[in-house]
PDB file of N, CA and C in Angstrom:
ATOM      1  N   MET A   1       7.597   4.362   8.493  1.00  0.00           N
ATOM      2  CA  MET A   1       6.425   3.625   8.890  1.00  0.00           C
ATOM      3  C   MET A   1       5.734   4.410  10.004  1.00  0.00           C
ATOM      4  N   LYS A   2       4.404   4.434   9.926  1.00  0.00           N
ATOM      5  CA  LYS A   2       3.652   5.081  10.998  1.00  0.00           C
ATOM      6  C   LYS A   2       2.259   4.485  11.089  1.00  0.00           C
ATOM      7  N   LEU A   3       1.744   4.450  12.293  1.00  0.00           N
ATOM      8  CA  LEU A   3       0.374   4.036  12.544  1.00  0.00           C
ATOM      9  C   LEU A   3      -0.467   5.304  12.567  1.00  0.00           C
ATOM     10  N   THR A   4      -1.533   5.323  11.772  1.00  0.00           N
ATOM     11  CA  THR A   4      -2.344   6.525  11.654  1.00  0.00           C
ATOM     12  C   THR A   4      -3.812   6.158  11.451  1.00  0.00           C
ATOM     13  N   GLN A   5      -4.679   7.061  11.809  1.00  0.00           N
ATOM     14  CA  GLN A   5      -6.119   6.893  11.605  1.00  0.00           C
ATOM     15  C   GLN A   5      -6.524   7.837  10.479  1.00  0.00           C
ATOM     16  N   PRO A   6      -6.673   7.335   9.245  1.00  0.00           N
ATOM     17  CA  PRO A   6      -6.992   8.235   8.135  1.00  0.00           C
ATOM     18  C   PRO A   6      -8.426   8.748   8.200  1.00  0.00           C
ATOM     19  N   SER A   7      -8.594   9.979   7.792  1.00  0.00           N
ATOM     20  CA  SER A   7      -9.934  10.570   7.715  1.00  0.00           C
ATOM     21  C   SER A   7     -10.616  10.117   6.426  1.00  0.00           C
ATOM     22  N   GLN A   8     -11.907  10.358   6.343  1.00  0.00           N
ATOM     23  CA  GLN A   8     -12.643  10.040   5.127  1.00  0.00           C
ATOM     24  C   GLN A   8     -12.057  10.812   3.946  1.00  0.00           C
ATOM     25  N   GLN A   9     -11.773  12.092   4.136  1.00  0.00           N
ATOM     26  CA  GLN A   9     -11.214  12.914   3.061  1.00  0.00           C
ATOM     27  C   GLN A   9      -9.853  12.380   2.607  1.00  0.00           C
ATOM     28  N   HIS A  10      -9.033  11.962   3.546  1.00  0.00           N
ATOM     29  CA  HIS A  10      -7.708  11.421   3.211  1.00  0.00           C
ATOM     30  C   HIS A  10      -7.854  10.183   2.319  1.00  0.00           C
ATOM     31  N   MET A  11      -8.753   9.286   2.703  1.00  0.00           N
ATOM     32  CA  MET A  11      -8.940   8.064   1.921  1.00  0.00           C
ATOM     33  C   MET A  11      -9.582   8.358   0.569  1.00  0.00           C
ATOM     34  N   GLU A  12     -10.482   9.327   0.524  1.00  0.00           N
ATOM     35  CA  GLU A  12     -11.068   9.710  -0.764  1.00  0.00           C
ATOM     36  C   GLU A  12      -9.997  10.283  -1.685  1.00  0.00           C
ATOM     37  N   ASN A  13      -9.047  11.019  -1.144  1.00  0.00           N
ATOM     38  CA  ASN A  13      -7.928  11.522  -1.946  1.00  0.00           C
ATOM     39  C   ASN A  13      -7.045  10.371  -2.420  1.00  0.00           C
ATOM     40  N   HIS A  14      -6.772   9.440  -1.514  1.00  0.00           N
ATOM     41  CA  HIS A  14      -5.910   8.305  -1.855  1.00  0.00           C
ATOM     42  C   HIS A  14      -6.514   7.466  -2.980  1.00  0.00           C
ATOM     43  N   TYR A  15      -7.804   7.194  -2.892  1.00  0.00           N
ATOM     44  CA  TYR A  15      -8.484   6.343  -3.871  1.00  0.00           C
ATOM     45  C   TYR A  15      -9.324   7.152  -4.865  1.00  0.00           C
ATOM     46  N   ALA A  16      -8.912   8.357  -5.170  1.00  0.00           N
ATOM     47  CA  ALA A  16      -9.674   9.236  -6.074  1.00  0.00           C
ATOM     48  C   ALA A  16      -9.948   8.579  -7.426  1.00  0.00           C
ATOM     49  N   ASP A  17      -9.027   7.756  -7.906  1.00  0.00           N
ATOM     50  CA  ASP A  17      -9.202   7.104  -9.204  1.00  0.00           C
ATOM     51  C   ASP A  17     -10.323   6.058  -9.188  1.00  0.00           C
ATOM     52  N   LEU A  18     -10.790   5.676  -8.021  1.00  0.00           N
ATOM     53  CA  LEU A  18     -11.852   4.673  -7.899  1.00  0.00           C
ATOM     54  C   LEU A  18     -13.208   5.278  -7.540  1.00  0.00           C
ATOM     55  N   LYS A  19     -13.284   6.593  -7.510  1.00  0.00           N
ATOM     56  CA  LYS A  19     -14.485   7.296  -7.030  1.00  0.00           C
ATOM     57  C   LYS A  19     -15.770   6.867  -7.747  1.00  0.00           C
ATOM     58  N   THR A  20     -15.704   6.511  -9.008  1.00  0.00           N
ATOM     59  CA  THR A  20     -16.908   6.143  -9.758  1.00  0.00           C
ATOM     60  C   THR A  20     -17.278   4.665  -9.615  1.00  0.00           C
ATOM     61  N   LYS A  21     -16.468   3.904  -8.935  1.00  0.00           N
ATOM     62  CA  LYS A  21     -16.722   2.466  -8.780  1.00  0.00           C
ATOM     63  C   LYS A  21     -17.812   2.219  -7.735  1.00  0.00           C
ATOM     64  N   LYS A  22     -18.589   1.181  -7.961  1.00  0.00           N
ATOM     65  CA  LYS A  22     -19.695   0.822  -7.070  1.00  0.00           C
ATOM     66  C   LYS A  22     -19.214   0.543  -5.643  1.00  0.00           C
ATOM     67  N   PHE A  23     -18.048  -0.047  -5.515  1.00  0.00           N
ATOM     68  CA  PHE A  23     -17.537  -0.441  -4.201  1.00  0.00           C
ATOM     69  C   PHE A  23     -16.872   0.696  -3.429  1.00  0.00           C
ATOM     70  N   PHE A  24     -16.739   1.880  -4.040  1.00  0.00           N
ATOM     71  CA  PHE A  24     -16.012   2.993  -3.430  1.00  0.00           C
ATOM     72  C   PHE A  24     -16.509   3.361  -2.025  1.00  0.00           C
ATOM     73  N   PRO A  25     -17.812   3.563  -1.812  1.00  0.00           N
ATOM     74  CA  PRO A  25     -18.261   3.939  -0.456  1.00  0.00           C
ATOM     75  C   PRO A  25     -17.875   2.899   0.606  1.00  0.00           C
ATOM     76  N   GLY A  26     -18.022   1.619   0.274  1.00  0.00           N
ATOM     77  CA  GLY A  26     -17.657   0.570   1.220  1.00  0.00           C
ATOM     78  C   GLY A  26     -16.170   0.536   1.499  1.00  0.00           C
ATOM     79  N   LEU A  27     -15.376   0.790   0.465  1.00  0.00           N
ATOM     80  CA  LEU A  27     -13.919   0.830   0.626  1.00  0.00           C
ATOM     81  C   LEU A  27     -13.519   1.942   1.586  1.00  0.00           C
ATOM     82  N   ILE A  28     -14.108   3.105   1.410  1.00  0.00           N
ATOM     83  CA  ILE A  28     -13.784   4.245   2.273  1.00  0.00           C
ATOM     84  C   ILE A  28     -14.215   3.962   3.713  1.00  0.00           C
ATOM     85  N   THR A  29     -15.406   3.399   3.888  1.00  0.00           N
ATOM     86  CA  THR A  29     -15.876   3.051   5.233  1.00  0.00           C
ATOM     87  C   THR A  29     -14.923   2.058   5.890  1.00  0.00           C
ATOM     88  N   TYR A  30     -14.534   1.032   5.156  1.00  0.00           N
ATOM     89  CA  TYR A  30     -13.616   0.019   5.688  1.00  0.00           C
ATOM     90  C   TYR A  30     -12.265   0.635   6.052  1.00  0.00           C
ATOM     91  N   MET A  31     -11.709   1.431   5.152  1.00  0.00           N
ATOM     92  CA  MET A  31     -10.365   1.977   5.363  1.00  0.00           C
ATOM     93  C   MET A  31     -10.313   3.046   6.456  1.00  0.00           C
ATOM     94  N   THR A  32     -11.453   3.589   6.830  1.00  0.00           N
ATOM     95  CA  THR A  32     -11.475   4.578   7.913  1.00  0.00           C
ATOM     96  C   THR A  32     -12.016   3.981   9.215  1.00  0.00           C
ATOM     97  N   SER A  33     -12.227   2.669   9.243  1.00  0.00           N
ATOM     98  CA  SER A  33     -12.821   2.028  10.422  1.00  0.00           C
ATOM     99  C   SER A  33     -11.826   1.784  11.551  1.00  0.00           C
ATOM    100  N   GLY A  34     -10.558   1.987  11.291  1.00  0.00           N
ATOM    101  CA  GLY A  34      -9.541   1.783  12.319  1.00  0.00           C
ATOM    102  C   GLY A  34      -8.205   2.303  11.830  1.00  0.00           C
ATOM    103  N   PRO A  35      -7.189   2.157  12.646  1.00  0.00           N
ATOM    104  CA  PRO A  35      -5.870   2.658  12.244  1.00  0.00           C
ATOM    105  C   PRO A  35      -5.264   1.812  11.124  1.00  0.00           C
ATOM    106  N   VAL A  36      -4.388   2.421  10.362  1.00  0.00           N
ATOM    107  CA  VAL A  36      -3.632   1.724   9.322  1.00  0.00           C
ATOM    108  C   VAL A  36      -2.145   1.937   9.577  1.00  0.00           C
ATOM    109  N   CYS A  37      -1.352   1.011   9.119  1.00  0.00           N
ATOM    110  CA  CYS A  37       0.099   1.119   9.216  1.00  0.00           C
ATOM    111  C   CYS A  37       0.615   1.510   7.836  1.00  0.00           C
ATOM    112  N   ALA A  38       1.005   2.763   7.681  1.00  0.00           N
ATOM    113  CA  ALA A  38       1.513   3.266   6.401  1.00  0.00           C
ATOM    114  C   ALA A  38       3.028   3.087   6.365  1.00  0.00           C
ATOM    115  N   MET A  39       3.535   2.595   5.240  1.00  0.00           N
ATOM    116  CA  MET A  39       4.970   2.336   5.098  1.00  0.00           C
ATOM    117  C   MET A  39       5.483   2.836   3.765  1.00  0.00           C
ATOM    118  N   VAL A  40       6.771   3.102   3.729  1.00  0.00           N
ATOM    119  CA  VAL A  40       7.472   3.371   2.476  1.00  0.00           C
ATOM    120  C   VAL A  40       8.548   2.302   2.362  1.00  0.00           C
ATOM    121  N   TRP A  41       8.493   1.539   1.288  1.00  0.00           N
ATOM    122  CA  TRP A  41       9.521   0.537   1.019  1.00  0.00           C
ATOM    123  C   TRP A  41      10.450   1.110  -0.029  1.00  0.00           C
ATOM    124  N   GLU A  42      11.737   0.881   0.126  1.00  0.00           N
ATOM    125  CA  GLU A  42      12.675   1.341  -0.888  1.00  0.00           C
ATOM    126  C   GLU A  42      13.653   0.230  -1.214  1.00  0.00           C
ATOM    127  N   GLY A  43      14.247   0.335  -2.384  1.00  0.00           N
ATOM    128  CA  GLY A  43      15.212  -0.654  -2.830  1.00  0.00           C
ATOM    129  C   GLY A  43      15.046  -0.891  -4.314  1.00  0.00           C
ATOM    130  N   LYS A  44      15.890  -1.723  -4.854  1.00  0.00           N
ATOM    131  CA  LYS A  44      15.859  -2.035  -6.281  1.00  0.00           C
ATOM    132  C   LYS A  44      14.511  -2.665  -6.635  1.00  0.00           C
ATOM    133  N   SER A  45      13.820  -2.073  -7.588  1.00  0.00           N
ATOM    134  CA  SER A  45      12.508  -2.560  -8.053  1.00  0.00           C
ATOM    135  C   SER A  45      11.505  -2.706  -6.910  1.00  0.00           C
ATOM    136  N   ALA A  46      11.538  -1.773  -5.976  1.00  0.00           N
ATOM    137  CA  ALA A  46      10.684  -1.870  -4.781  1.00  0.00           C
ATOM    138  C   ALA A  46       9.203  -1.965  -5.125  1.00  0.00           C
ATOM    139  N   VAL A  47       8.747  -1.224  -6.121  1.00  0.00           N
ATOM    140  CA  VAL A  47       7.321  -1.253  -6.459  1.00  0.00           C
ATOM    141  C   VAL A  47       6.933  -2.628  -6.995  1.00  0.00           C
ATOM    142  N   SER A  48       7.644  -3.124  -7.992  1.00  0.00           N
ATOM    143  CA  SER A  48       7.273  -4.418  -8.582  1.00  0.00           C
ATOM    144  C   SER A  48       7.503  -5.573  -7.615  1.00  0.00           C
ATOM    145  N   GLU A  49       8.583  -5.542  -6.875  1.00  0.00           N
ATOM    146  CA  GLU A  49       8.848  -6.610  -5.905  1.00  0.00           C
ATOM    147  C   GLU A  49       7.848  -6.557  -4.752  1.00  0.00           C
ATOM    148  N   GLY A  50       7.490  -5.356  -4.331  1.00  0.00           N
ATOM    149  CA  GLY A  50       6.491  -5.213  -3.274  1.00  0.00           C
ATOM    150  C   GLY A  50       5.147  -5.769  -3.695  1.00  0.00           C
ATOM    151  N   ARG A  51       4.761  -5.516  -4.941  1.00  0.00           N
ATOM    152  CA  ARG A  51       3.483  -6.028  -5.434  1.00  0.00           C
ATOM    153  C   ARG A  51       3.485  -7.554  -5.497  1.00  0.00           C
ATOM    154  N   LYS A  52       4.626  -8.147  -5.786  1.00  0.00           N
ATOM    155  CA  LYS A  52       4.719  -9.615  -5.761  1.00  0.00           C
ATOM    156  C   LYS A  52       4.472 -10.142  -4.345  1.00  0.00           C
ATOM    157  N   MET A  53       5.035  -9.455  -3.351  1.00  0.00           N
ATOM    158  CA  MET A  53       4.841  -9.888  -1.959  1.00  0.00           C
ATOM    159  C   MET A  53       3.390  -9.723  -1.517  1.00  0.00           C
ATOM    160  N   LEU A  54       2.721  -8.671  -2.000  1.00  0.00           N
ATOM    161  CA  LEU A  54       1.322  -8.442  -1.640  1.00  0.00           C
ATOM    162  C   LEU A  54       0.411  -9.487  -2.261  1.00  0.00           C
ATOM    163  N   GLY A  55       0.676  -9.875  -3.499  1.00  0.00           N
ATOM    164  CA  GLY A  55      -0.180 -10.807  -4.216  1.00  0.00           C
ATOM    165  C   GLY A  55      -1.175 -10.067  -5.090  1.00  0.00           C
ATOM    166  N   ALA A  56      -1.940 -10.831  -5.856  1.00  0.00           N
ATOM    167  CA  ALA A  56      -2.928 -10.256  -6.772  1.00  0.00           C
ATOM    168  C   ALA A  56      -3.994  -9.486  -6.000  1.00  0.00           C
ATOM    169  N   THR A  57      -4.541  -8.453  -6.631  1.00  0.00           N
ATOM    170  CA  THR A  57      -5.586  -7.645  -6.000  1.00  0.00           C
ATOM    171  C   THR A  57      -6.773  -8.515  -5.595  1.00  0.00           C
ATOM    172  N   MET A  58      -7.123  -9.471  -6.441  1.00  0.00           N
ATOM    173  CA  MET A  58      -8.208 -10.411  -6.141  1.00  0.00           C
ATOM    174  C   MET A  58      -7.629 -11.526  -5.265  1.00  0.00           C
ATOM    175  N   PRO A  59      -8.001 -11.574  -3.993  1.00  0.00           N
ATOM    176  CA  PRO A  59      -7.403 -12.559  -3.086  1.00  0.00           C
ATOM    177  C   PRO A  59      -7.452 -14.000  -3.596  1.00  0.00           C
ATOM    178  N   SER A  60      -8.535 -14.383  -4.274  1.00  0.00           N
ATOM    179  CA  SER A  60      -8.651 -15.757  -4.779  1.00  0.00           C
ATOM    180  C   SER A  60      -7.638 -16.057  -5.882  1.00  0.00           C
ATOM    181  N   GLU A  61      -7.036 -15.022  -6.456  1.00  0.00           N
ATOM    182  CA  GLU A  61      -6.016 -15.198  -7.491  1.00  0.00           C
ATOM    183  C   GLU A  61      -4.603 -15.027  -6.937  1.00  0.00           C
ATOM    184  N   SER A  62      -4.488 -14.775  -5.643  1.00  0.00           N
ATOM    185  CA  SER A  62      -3.188 -14.560  -5.008  1.00  0.00           C
ATOM    186  C   SER A  62      -2.543 -15.891  -4.646  1.00  0.00           C
ATOM    187  N   ALA A  63      -1.263 -15.978  -4.901  1.00  0.00           N
ATOM    188  CA  ALA A  63      -0.517 -17.197  -4.578  1.00  0.00           C
ATOM    189  C   ALA A  63      -0.379 -17.360  -3.068  1.00  0.00           C
ATOM    190  N   MET A  64      -0.345 -18.608  -2.635  1.00  0.00           N
ATOM    191  CA  MET A  64      -0.043 -18.898  -1.233  1.00  0.00           C
ATOM    192  C   MET A  64       1.340 -18.324  -0.944  1.00  0.00           C
ATOM    193  N   GLY A  65       1.521 -17.812   0.249  1.00  0.00           N
ATOM    194  CA  GLY A  65       2.802 -17.211   0.606  1.00  0.00           C
ATOM    195  C   GLY A  65       2.840 -15.711   0.398  1.00  0.00           C
ATOM    196  N   THR A  66       1.834 -15.167  -0.310  1.00  0.00           N
ATOM    197  CA  THR A  66       1.729 -13.712  -0.428  1.00  0.00           C
ATOM    198  C   THR A  66       0.828 -13.218   0.702  1.00  0.00           C
ATOM    199  N   ILE A  67       0.891 -11.935   0.987  1.00  0.00           N
ATOM    200  CA  ILE A  67       0.068 -11.385   2.066  1.00  0.00           C
ATOM    201  C   ILE A  67      -1.411 -11.630   1.793  1.00  0.00           C
ATOM    202  N   ARG A  68      -1.859 -11.300   0.591  1.00  0.00           N
ATOM    203  CA  ARG A  68      -3.275 -11.486   0.268  1.00  0.00           C
ATOM    204  C   ARG A  68      -3.633 -12.960   0.130  1.00  0.00           C
ATOM    205  N   GLY A  69      -2.732 -13.764  -0.401  1.00  0.00           N
ATOM    206  CA  GLY A  69      -2.988 -15.196  -0.534  1.00  0.00           C
ATOM    207  C   GLY A  69      -3.149 -15.890   0.805  1.00  0.00           C
ATOM    208  N   ASP A  70      -2.435 -15.424   1.800  1.00  0.00           N
ATOM    209  CA  ASP A  70      -2.486 -16.047   3.126  1.00  0.00           C
ATOM    210  C   ASP A  70      -3.523 -15.440   4.062  1.00  0.00           C
ATOM    211  N   PHE A  71      -3.836 -14.159   3.894  1.00  0.00           N
ATOM    212  CA  PHE A  71      -4.654 -13.476   4.895  1.00  0.00           C
ATOM    213  C   PHE A  71      -5.946 -12.849   4.380  1.00  0.00           C
ATOM    214  N   CYS A  72      -6.277 -13.008   3.106  1.00  0.00           N
ATOM    215  CA  CYS A  72      -7.462 -12.341   2.550  1.00  0.00           C
ATOM    216  C   CYS A  72      -8.419 -13.344   1.927  1.00  0.00           C
ATOM    217  N   ILE A  73      -9.690 -12.986   1.946  1.00  0.00           N
ATOM    218  CA  ILE A  73     -10.714 -13.819   1.328  1.00  0.00           C
ATOM    219  C   ILE A  73     -11.497 -13.018   0.290  1.00  0.00           C
ATOM    220  N   GLU A  74     -11.865 -11.781   0.616  1.00  0.00           N
ATOM    221  CA  GLU A  74     -12.689 -10.961  -0.267  1.00  0.00           C
ATOM    222  C   GLU A  74     -11.929  -9.725  -0.725  1.00  0.00           C
ATOM    223  N   ILE A  75     -12.187  -9.291  -1.949  1.00  0.00           N
ATOM    224  CA  ILE A  75     -11.472  -8.151  -2.531  1.00  0.00           C
ATOM    225  C   ILE A  75     -11.687  -6.868  -1.730  1.00  0.00           C
ATOM    226  N   GLY A  76     -12.858  -6.703  -1.152  1.00  0.00           N
ATOM    227  CA  GLY A  76     -13.141  -5.501  -0.368  1.00  0.00           C
ATOM    228  C   GLY A  76     -12.415  -5.461   0.964  1.00  0.00           C
ATOM    229  N   ARG A  77     -11.765  -6.568   1.300  1.00  0.00           N
ATOM    230  CA  ARG A  77     -11.015  -6.663   2.557  1.00  0.00           C
ATOM    231  C   ARG A  77      -9.630  -7.239   2.271  1.00  0.00           C
ATOM    232  N   ASN A  78      -8.973  -6.731   1.235  1.00  0.00           N
ATOM    233  CA  ASN A  78      -7.691  -7.336   0.862  1.00  0.00           C
ATOM    234  C   ASN A  78      -6.514  -6.823   1.683  1.00  0.00           C
ATOM    235  N   ILE A  79      -6.759  -6.134   2.735  1.00  0.00           N
ATOM    236  CA  ILE A  79      -5.894  -5.700   3.843  1.00  0.00           C
ATOM    237  C   ILE A  79      -4.656  -4.887   3.509  1.00  0.00           C
ATOM    238  N   CYS A  80      -4.273  -4.778   2.255  1.00  0.00           N
ATOM    239  CA  CYS A  80      -3.048  -4.028   1.968  1.00  0.00           C
ATOM    240  C   CYS A  80      -3.159  -3.323   0.619  1.00  0.00           C
ATOM    241  N   HIS A  81      -2.374  -2.292   0.488  1.00  0.00           N
ATOM    242  CA  HIS A  81      -2.319  -1.523  -0.753  1.00  0.00           C
ATOM    243  C   HIS A  81      -0.862  -1.364  -1.136  1.00  0.00           C
ATOM    244  N   GLY A  82      -0.587  -1.504  -2.405  1.00  0.00           N
ATOM    245  CA  GLY A  82       0.751  -1.239  -2.913  1.00  0.00           C
ATOM    246  C   GLY A  82       0.654  -0.373  -4.150  1.00  0.00           C
ATOM    247  N   SER A  83       1.505   0.594  -4.255  1.00  0.00           N
ATOM    248  CA  SER A  83       1.519   1.476  -5.422  1.00  0.00           C
ATOM    249  C   SER A  83       1.734   0.643  -6.678  1.00  0.00           C
ATOM    250  N   ASP A  84       1.085   1.056  -7.777  1.00  0.00           N
ATOM    251  CA  ASP A  84       1.204   0.302  -9.021  1.00  0.00           C
ATOM    252  C   ASP A  84       2.332   0.786  -9.923  1.00  0.00           C
ATOM    253  N   ALA A  85       2.944   1.899  -9.594  1.00  0.00           N
ATOM    254  CA  ALA A  85       4.041   2.449 -10.398  1.00  0.00           C
ATOM    255  C   ALA A  85       4.841   3.427  -9.544  1.00  0.00           C
ATOM    256  N   VAL A  86       6.037   3.717  -9.983  1.00  0.00           N
ATOM    257  CA  VAL A  86       6.900   4.639  -9.237  1.00  0.00           C
ATOM    258  C   VAL A  86       6.243   6.012  -9.104  1.00  0.00           C
ATOM    259  N   ASP A  87       5.621   6.503 -10.176  1.00  0.00           N
ATOM    260  CA  ASP A  87       4.972   7.822 -10.113  1.00  0.00           C
ATOM    261  C   ASP A  87       3.834   7.847  -9.096  1.00  0.00           C
ATOM    262  N   SER A  88       3.010   6.800  -9.076  1.00  0.00           N
ATOM    263  CA  SER A  88       1.925   6.780  -8.084  1.00  0.00           C
ATOM    264  C   SER A  88       2.494   6.607  -6.680  1.00  0.00           C
ATOM    265  N   ALA A  89       3.600   5.878  -6.546  1.00  0.00           N
ATOM    266  CA  ALA A  89       4.251   5.751  -5.231  1.00  0.00           C
ATOM    267  C   ALA A  89       4.681   7.117  -4.720  1.00  0.00           C
ATOM    268  N   LYS A  90       5.247   7.929  -5.583  1.00  0.00           N
ATOM    269  CA  LYS A  90       5.679   9.273  -5.175  1.00  0.00           C
ATOM    270  C   LYS A  90       4.491  10.106  -4.696  1.00  0.00           C
ATOM    271  N   GLN A  91       3.374  10.022  -5.416  1.00  0.00           N
ATOM    272  CA  GLN A  91       2.171  10.764  -5.018  1.00  0.00           C
ATOM    273  C   GLN A  91       1.625  10.251  -3.690  1.00  0.00           C
ATOM    274  N   GLU A  92       1.614   8.934  -3.525  1.00  0.00           N
ATOM    275  CA  GLU A  92       1.083   8.350  -2.296  1.00  0.00           C
ATOM    276  C   GLU A  92       1.991   8.635  -1.101  1.00  0.00           C
ATOM    277  N   ILE A  93       3.289   8.630  -1.310  1.00  0.00           N
ATOM    278  CA  ILE A  93       4.223   8.979  -0.231  1.00  0.00           C
ATOM    279  C   ILE A  93       3.973  10.416   0.219  1.00  0.00           C
ATOM    280  N   ALA A  94       3.783  11.314  -0.742  1.00  0.00           N
ATOM    281  CA  ALA A  94       3.510  12.720  -0.399  1.00  0.00           C
ATOM    282  C   ALA A  94       2.195  12.850   0.374  1.00  0.00           C
ATOM    283  N   LEU A  95       1.207  12.038   0.033  1.00  0.00           N
ATOM    284  CA  LEU A  95      -0.086  12.084   0.717  1.00  0.00           C
ATOM    285  C   LEU A  95       0.010  11.533   2.143  1.00  0.00           C
ATOM    286  N   TRP A  96       0.684  10.419   2.307  1.00  0.00           N
ATOM    287  CA  TRP A  96       0.748   9.753   3.608  1.00  0.00           C
ATOM    288  C   TRP A  96       1.857  10.287   4.512  1.00  0.00           C
ATOM    289  N   PHE A  97       2.895  10.840   3.911  1.00  0.00           N
ATOM    290  CA  PHE A  97       4.030  11.342   4.692  1.00  0.00           C
ATOM    291  C   PHE A  97       4.355  12.782   4.289  1.00  0.00           C
ATOM    292  N   PRO A  98       3.434  13.723   4.537  1.00  0.00           N
ATOM    293  CA  PRO A  98       3.677  15.110   4.132  1.00  0.00           C
ATOM    294  C   PRO A  98       4.904  15.710   4.818  1.00  0.00           C
ATOM    295  N   GLU A  99       5.280  15.152   5.952  1.00  0.00           N
ATOM    296  CA  GLU A  99       6.470  15.620   6.669  1.00  0.00           C
ATOM    297  C   GLU A  99       7.754  15.087   6.045  1.00  0.00           C
ATOM    298  N   GLY A 100       7.621  14.190   5.058  1.00  0.00           N
ATOM    299  CA  GLY A 100       8.779  13.584   4.404  1.00  0.00           C
ATOM    300  C   GLY A 100       9.185  12.299   5.101  1.00  0.00           C
ATOM    301  N   VAL A 101      10.149  11.614   4.515  1.00  0.00           N
ATOM    302  CA  VAL A 101      10.673  10.383   5.103  1.00  0.00           C
ATOM    303  C   VAL A 101      12.164  10.553   5.350  1.00  0.00           C
ATOM    304  N   THR A 102      12.658   9.843   6.332  1.00  0.00           N
ATOM    305  CA  THR A 102      14.076   9.916   6.668  1.00  0.00           C
ATOM    306  C   THR A 102      14.882   9.133   5.643  1.00  0.00           C
ATOM    307  N   SER A 103      15.902   9.739   5.102  1.00  0.00           N
ATOM    308  CA  SER A 103      16.777   9.081   4.138  1.00  0.00           C
ATOM    309  C   SER A 103      18.038   8.610   4.852  1.00  0.00           C
ATOM    310  N   TYR A 104      18.457   7.408   4.548  1.00  0.00           N
ATOM    311  CA  TYR A 104      19.655   6.865   5.180  1.00  0.00           C
ATOM    312  C   TYR A 104      20.260   5.786   4.282  1.00  0.00           C
ATOM    313  N   THR A 105      21.471   5.401   4.553  1.00  0.00           N
ATOM    314  CA  THR A 105      22.125   4.304   3.854  1.00  0.00           C
ATOM    315  C   THR A 105      22.254   3.148   4.833  1.00  0.00           C
ATOM    316  N   SER A 106      21.649   2.043   4.491  1.00  0.00           N
ATOM    317  CA  SER A 106      21.692   0.865   5.348  1.00  0.00           C
ATOM    318  C   SER A 106      23.085   0.244   5.319  1.00  0.00           C
ATOM    319  N   CYS A 107      23.532  -0.259   6.442  1.00  0.00           N
ATOM    320  CA  CYS A 107      24.856  -0.879   6.503  1.00  0.00           C
ATOM    321  C   CYS A 107      24.913  -2.166   5.678  1.00  0.00           C
ATOM    322  N   GLU A 108      23.753  -2.763   5.374  1.00  0.00           N
ATOM    323  CA  GLU A 108      23.738  -3.999   4.586  1.00  0.00           C
ATOM    324  C   GLU A 108      23.822  -3.766   3.085  1.00  0.00           C
ATOM    325  N   GLU A 109      23.636  -2.527   2.632  1.00  0.00           N
ATOM    326  CA  GLU A 109      23.595  -2.266   1.199  1.00  0.00           C
ATOM    327  C   GLU A 109      24.800  -2.810   0.457  1.00  0.00           C
ATOM    328  N   LYS A 110      25.982  -2.677   1.014  1.00  0.00           N
ATOM    329  CA  LYS A 110      27.177  -3.146   0.306  1.00  0.00           C
ATOM    330  C   LYS A 110      27.202  -4.667   0.176  1.00  0.00           C
ATOM    331  N   TRP A 111      26.425  -5.367   0.986  1.00  0.00           N
ATOM    332  CA  TRP A 111      26.370  -6.826   0.908  1.00  0.00           C
ATOM    333  C   TRP A 111      25.235  -7.299   0.005  1.00  0.00           C
ATOM    334  N   ILE A 112      24.264  -6.439  -0.266  1.00  0.00           N
ATOM    335  CA  ILE A 112      23.086  -6.821  -1.041  1.00  0.00           C
ATOM    336  C   ILE A 112      23.194  -6.429  -2.509  1.00  0.00           C
ATOM    337  N   TYR A 113      23.677  -5.219  -2.772  1.00  0.00           N
ATOM    338  CA  TYR A 113      23.711  -4.696  -4.139  1.00  0.00           C
ATOM    339  C   TYR A 113      25.122  -4.678  -4.693  1.00  0.00           C
ATOM    340  N   GLU A 114      25.215  -4.947  -6.007  1.00  0.00           N
ATOM    341  CA  GLU A 114      26.519  -4.879  -6.687  1.00  0.00           C
ATOM    342  C   GLU A 114      26.881  -3.452  -6.982  1.00  0.00           C
TER     343      GLU A 114
END
């Protein structure tokens, strides 16, 4: 986890797949308007379970108790991003953490996983 101030180029690289969308310029302006907290979550089904915690991309379709369901109103301000697949997570981790991430074994693992 790290707090960082992404540049316009960094965010354009991150959201390159959305470059042709009408909302792209506003998204980049919003995402570069202040610092962001970048994280890597790991664990069994981390991508799919993480997306459940974030909620639907459209805040009005997000369940109460999810991050977007509780804290978001408009799609352009949905406050969080989660990778949609393991492959995109790997690419995004490389983009946000070029120095790599620390690997470790949590002491709780033997109590959580079979």
